[in-house]
Amino acid sequence: MNEQATETAVEEHAAIPYSVYVKAWVSLLVITIVMVMWHVPFVLITGMAAKALIIALWFMHLRYERLDFVLYVLLGIFATAIVLYGLIAPDGMQM
């Protein structure tokens, strides 16, 4: 292995600095506060989608994965959300 290949391999497996996690956490906190302050359905849905995206990209490390793997994971998350909605929505309609 030459020196440049070794440096690239080290960079690919380098630890993510804590500042990235702190920024993601602060952004999640700000979005949550905005969602609590404004009970508009559009704000709530947008906030939930933004929070899910931040969690998936930074805390699940999907930002650093190949695109096809990211799409598979997001497809699974979306399918799970549809199933859960289908199971919960009928109870909400009866209220």
N, C-alpha and C. Protein backbone atom coordinates (compact mmCIF):
# COMPACT_ATOMS: atom_id res chain seq x y z
N MET A 1 0.84 -1.18 0.00
CA MET A 1 0.00 0.00 0.00
C MET A 1 0.89 1.24 0.00
N ASN A 2 0.62 2.16 -0.90
CA ASN A 2 1.45 3.36 -0.93
C ASN A 2 0.97 4.36 0.12
N GLU A 3 1.73 5.42 0.28
CA GLU A 3 1.46 6.39 1.35
C GLU A 3 0.13 7.12 1.15
N GLN A 4 -0.19 7.47 -0.10
CA GLN A 4 -1.44 8.19 -0.37
C GLN A 4 -2.65 7.29 -0.08
N ALA A 5 -2.58 6.03 -0.45
CA ALA A 5 -3.68 5.10 -0.18
C ALA A 5 -3.86 4.91 1.32
N THR A 6 -2.75 4.88 2.06
CA THR A 6 -2.83 4.73 3.51
C THR A 6 -3.50 5.95 4.14
N GLU A 7 -3.15 7.15 3.68
CA GLU A 7 -3.77 8.37 4.20
C GLU A 7 -5.25 8.40 3.90
N THR A 8 -5.65 7.98 2.71
CA THR A 8 -7.07 7.96 2.34
C THR A 8 -7.83 6.98 3.21
N ALA A 9 -7.25 5.81 3.46
CA ALA A 9 -7.90 4.81 4.31
C ALA A 9 -8.06 5.33 5.73
N VAL A 10 -7.06 6.03 6.23
CA VAL A 10 -7.14 6.58 7.58
C VAL A 10 -8.22 7.66 7.65
N GLU A 11 -8.29 8.52 6.62
CA GLU A 11 -9.30 9.58 6.60
C GLU A 11 -10.71 9.00 6.55
N GLU A 12 -10.90 7.90 5.82
CA GLU A 12 -12.22 7.30 5.70
C GLU A 12 -12.71 6.75 7.03
N HIS A 13 -11.80 6.28 7.87
CA HIS A 13 -12.18 5.67 9.13
C HIS A 13 -11.90 6.58 10.32
N ALA A 14 -11.66 7.84 10.05
CA ALA A 14 -11.38 8.78 11.13
C ALA A 14 -12.64 9.01 11.95
N ALA A 15 -12.44 9.25 13.23
CA ALA A 15 -13.57 9.50 14.13
C ALA A 15 -14.20 10.84 13.79
N ILE A 16 -15.51 10.89 13.94
CA ILE A 16 -16.24 12.13 13.70
C ILE A 16 -16.11 12.99 14.95
N PRO A 17 -15.76 14.26 14.79
CA PRO A 17 -15.58 15.11 15.98
C PRO A 17 -16.89 15.31 16.74
N TYR A 18 -16.77 15.50 18.04
CA TYR A 18 -17.95 15.69 18.89
C TYR A 18 -18.73 16.94 18.51
N SER A 19 -18.07 17.91 17.92
CA SER A 19 -18.77 19.14 17.55
C SER A 19 -19.90 18.87 16.56
N VAL A 20 -19.73 17.87 15.71
CA VAL A 20 -20.79 17.51 14.76
C VAL A 20 -22.02 17.03 15.52
N TYR A 21 -21.82 16.20 16.54
CA TYR A 21 -22.93 15.69 17.32
C TYR A 21 -23.59 16.79 18.15
N VAL A 22 -22.80 17.70 18.66
CA VAL A 22 -23.35 18.81 19.44
C VAL A 22 -24.21 19.71 18.55
N LYS A 23 -23.71 20.00 17.35
CA LYS A 23 -24.49 20.82 16.41
C LYS A 23 -25.79 20.12 16.02
N ALA A 24 -25.73 18.83 15.78
CA ALA A 24 -26.95 18.08 15.44
C ALA A 24 -27.93 18.10 16.61
N TRP A 25 -27.43 17.92 17.82
CA TRP A 25 -28.29 17.92 19.00
C TRP A 25 -28.93 19.29 19.21
N VAL A 26 -28.15 20.34 19.04
CA VAL A 26 -28.69 21.70 19.20
C VAL A 26 -29.75 21.98 18.14
N SER A 27 -29.51 21.54 16.92
CA SER A 27 -30.52 21.75 15.87
C SER A 27 -31.79 20.96 16.19
N LEU A 28 -31.66 19.75 16.72
CA LEU A 28 -32.84 18.98 17.13
C LEU A 28 -33.60 19.69 18.26
N LEU A 29 -32.86 20.27 19.18
CA LEU A 29 -33.48 21.01 20.28
C LEU A 29 -34.23 22.24 19.77
N VAL A 30 -33.62 22.98 18.86
CA VAL A 30 -34.27 24.17 18.31
C VAL A 30 -35.54 23.79 17.54
N ILE A 31 -35.46 22.74 16.74
CA ILE A 31 -36.64 22.30 15.98
C ILE A 31 -37.75 21.87 16.94
N THR A 32 -37.39 21.18 18.02
CA THR A 32 -38.38 20.76 19.01
C THR A 32 -39.04 21.97 19.67
N ILE A 33 -38.27 22.97 20.02
CA ILE A 33 -38.82 24.17 20.64
C ILE A 33 -39.78 24.88 19.67
N VAL A 34 -39.40 24.97 18.42
CA VAL A 34 -40.28 25.59 17.41
C VAL A 34 -41.57 24.79 17.28
N MET A 35 -41.46 23.47 17.29
CA MET A 35 -42.66 22.63 17.18
C MET A 35 -43.58 22.80 18.38
N VAL A 36 -43.02 22.99 19.57
CA VAL A 36 -43.82 23.17 20.78
C VAL A 36 -44.49 24.55 20.78
N MET A 37 -43.78 25.54 20.25
CA MET A 37 -44.33 26.90 20.26
C MET A 37 -45.47 27.08 19.25
N TRP A 38 -45.35 26.47 18.07
CA TRP A 38 -46.37 26.63 17.03
C TRP A 38 -47.00 25.27 16.75
N HIS A 39 -48.28 25.18 17.01
CA HIS A 39 -49.01 23.92 16.83
C HIS A 39 -49.69 23.84 15.47
N VAL A 40 -49.09 24.44 14.47
CA VAL A 40 -49.62 24.41 13.11
C VAL A 40 -49.22 23.07 12.49
N PRO A 41 -50.16 22.35 11.87
CA PRO A 41 -49.82 21.03 11.31
C PRO A 41 -48.63 21.07 10.34
N PHE A 42 -48.54 22.10 9.52
CA PHE A 42 -47.42 22.19 8.58
C PHE A 42 -46.08 22.26 9.31
N VAL A 43 -46.03 23.05 10.38
CA VAL A 43 -44.79 23.18 11.17
C VAL A 43 -44.46 21.85 11.84
N LEU A 44 -45.47 21.17 12.36
CA LEU A 44 -45.24 19.89 13.04
C LEU A 44 -44.72 18.83 12.07
N ILE A 45 -45.33 18.72 10.92
CA ILE A 45 -44.91 17.71 9.94
C ILE A 45 -43.52 18.01 9.40
N THR A 46 -43.28 19.29 9.09
CA THR A 46 -41.96 19.68 8.60
C THR A 46 -40.89 19.44 9.67
N GLY A 47 -41.22 19.77 10.91
CA GLY A 47 -40.27 19.55 12.00
C GLY A 47 -39.97 18.08 12.21
N MET A 48 -40.99 17.25 12.15
CA MET A 48 -40.77 15.81 12.31
C MET A 48 -39.89 15.26 11.19
N ALA A 49 -40.15 15.69 9.95
CA ALA A 49 -39.34 15.23 8.83
C ALA A 49 -37.89 15.71 8.95
N ALA A 50 -37.71 16.96 9.36
CA ALA A 50 -36.35 17.50 9.51
C ALA A 50 -35.60 16.76 10.62
N LYS A 51 -36.28 16.50 11.73
CA LYS A 51 -35.63 15.78 12.83
C LYS A 51 -35.27 14.35 12.41
N ALA A 52 -36.15 13.68 11.70
CA ALA A 52 -35.85 12.33 11.23
C ALA A 52 -34.65 12.33 10.29
N LEU A 53 -34.58 13.34 9.42
CA LEU A 53 -33.47 13.43 8.49
C LEU A 53 -32.15 13.69 9.22
N ILE A 54 -32.16 14.58 10.21
CA ILE A 54 -30.94 14.87 10.97
C ILE A 54 -30.47 13.61 11.72
N ILE A 55 -31.41 12.92 12.34
CA ILE A 55 -31.04 11.70 13.07
C ILE A 55 -30.48 10.64 12.13
N ALA A 56 -31.15 10.45 10.99
CA ALA A 56 -30.68 9.44 10.04
C ALA A 56 -29.31 9.79 9.46
N LEU A 57 -29.11 11.05 9.11
CA LEU A 57 -27.85 11.42 8.47
C LEU A 57 -26.68 11.46 9.42
N TRP A 58 -26.85 12.03 10.59
CA TRP A 58 -25.69 12.22 11.47
C TRP A 58 -25.56 11.14 12.54
N PHE A 59 -26.64 10.79 13.22
CA PHE A 59 -26.51 9.82 14.30
C PHE A 59 -26.47 8.38 13.78
N MET A 60 -27.11 8.12 12.64
CA MET A 60 -27.03 6.79 12.03
C MET A 60 -25.88 6.72 11.02
N HIS A 61 -25.16 7.82 10.85
CA HIS A 61 -23.98 7.92 9.98
C HIS A 61 -24.30 7.64 8.51
N LEU A 62 -25.53 7.88 8.09
CA LEU A 62 -25.87 7.64 6.69
C LEU A 62 -25.25 8.68 5.76
N ARG A 63 -24.85 9.79 6.32
CA ARG A 63 -24.22 10.84 5.52
C ARG A 63 -22.91 10.36 4.91
N TYR A 64 -22.30 9.37 5.53
CA TYR A 64 -21.00 8.91 5.09
C TYR A 64 -21.06 7.56 4.36
N GLU A 65 -22.25 7.10 4.05
CA GLU A 65 -22.42 5.80 3.38
C GLU A 65 -22.66 5.99 1.89
N ARG A 66 -22.63 4.87 1.16
CA ARG A 66 -22.94 4.90 -0.27
C ARG A 66 -24.42 5.22 -0.47
N LEU A 67 -24.75 5.82 -1.59
CA LEU A 67 -26.11 6.28 -1.87
C LEU A 67 -27.11 5.13 -1.90
N ASP A 68 -26.75 4.00 -2.50
CA ASP A 68 -27.70 2.90 -2.58
C ASP A 68 -28.05 2.35 -1.19
N PHE A 69 -27.09 2.29 -0.29
CA PHE A 69 -27.37 1.84 1.08
C PHE A 69 -28.27 2.83 1.79
N VAL A 70 -28.02 4.11 1.60
CA VAL A 70 -28.85 5.15 2.21
C VAL A 70 -30.29 5.03 1.72
N LEU A 71 -30.47 4.80 0.44
CA LEU A 71 -31.82 4.68 -0.12
C LEU A 71 -32.54 3.45 0.44
N TYR A 72 -31.82 2.35 0.62
CA TYR A 72 -32.44 1.15 1.22
C TYR A 72 -32.90 1.43 2.64
N VAL A 73 -32.07 2.09 3.42
CA VAL A 73 -32.43 2.39 4.80
C VAL A 73 -33.62 3.35 4.84
N LEU A 74 -33.58 4.40 4.01
CA LEU A 74 -34.69 5.36 3.99
C LEU A 74 -35.99 4.71 3.50
N LEU A 75 -35.88 3.77 2.56
CA LEU A 75 -37.06 3.04 2.11
C LEU A 75 -37.65 2.22 3.25
N GLY A 76 -36.79 1.59 4.04
CA GLY A 76 -37.26 0.82 5.19
C GLY A 76 -37.93 1.71 6.24
N ILE A 77 -37.34 2.87 6.49
CA ILE A 77 -37.93 3.81 7.45
C ILE A 77 -39.28 4.29 6.95
N PHE A 78 -39.36 4.62 5.67
CA PHE A 78 -40.62 5.09 5.09
C PHE A 78 -41.69 4.00 5.13
N ALA A 79 -41.32 2.77 4.81
CA ALA A 79 -42.28 1.67 4.85
C ALA A 79 -42.78 1.43 6.27
N THR A 80 -41.89 1.51 7.23
CA THR A 80 -42.29 1.35 8.63
C THR A 80 -43.24 2.46 9.06
N ALA A 81 -42.97 3.68 8.63
CA ALA A 81 -43.85 4.80 8.96
C ALA A 81 -45.24 4.60 8.36
N ILE A 82 -45.32 4.11 7.15
CA ILE A 82 -46.62 3.85 6.51
C ILE A 82 -47.39 2.77 7.27
N VAL A 83 -46.71 1.70 7.65
CA VAL A 83 -47.38 0.62 8.39
C VAL A 83 -47.87 1.13 9.74
N LEU A 84 -47.03 1.87 10.46
CA LEU A 84 -47.44 2.39 11.76
C LEU A 84 -48.62 3.36 11.62
N TYR A 85 -48.58 4.20 10.60
CA TYR A 85 -49.70 5.11 10.37
C TYR A 85 -50.98 4.32 10.09
N GLY A 86 -50.85 3.29 9.28
CA GLY A 86 -52.02 2.46 8.97
C GLY A 86 -52.59 1.76 10.19
N LEU A 87 -51.75 1.44 11.14
CA LEU A 87 -52.23 0.79 12.35
C LEU A 87 -52.81 1.78 13.37
N ILE A 88 -52.30 3.00 13.38
CA ILE A 88 -52.72 3.99 14.38
C ILE A 88 -53.88 4.86 13.89
N ALA A 89 -53.91 5.20 12.61
CA ALA A 89 -54.90 6.14 12.08
C ALA A 89 -56.34 5.70 12.31
N PRO A 90 -56.71 4.43 12.15
CA PRO A 90 -58.11 4.05 12.37
C PRO A 90 -58.58 4.35 13.80
N ASP A 91 -57.71 4.17 14.78
CA ASP A 91 -58.09 4.48 16.16
C ASP A 91 -58.29 5.98 16.33
N GLY A 92 -57.50 6.78 15.67
CA GLY A 92 -57.66 8.23 15.76
C GLY A 92 -58.91 8.72 15.09
N MET A 93 -59.32 8.05 14.03
CA MET A 93 -60.55 8.44 13.33
C MET A 93 -61.80 8.16 14.15
N GLN A 94 -61.73 7.19 15.04
CA GLN A 94 -62.90 6.82 15.86
C GLN A 94 -63.11 7.76 17.03
N MET A 95 -62.12 8.58 17.35
CA MET A 95 -62.25 9.47 18.51
C MET A 95 -63.17 10.63 18.22
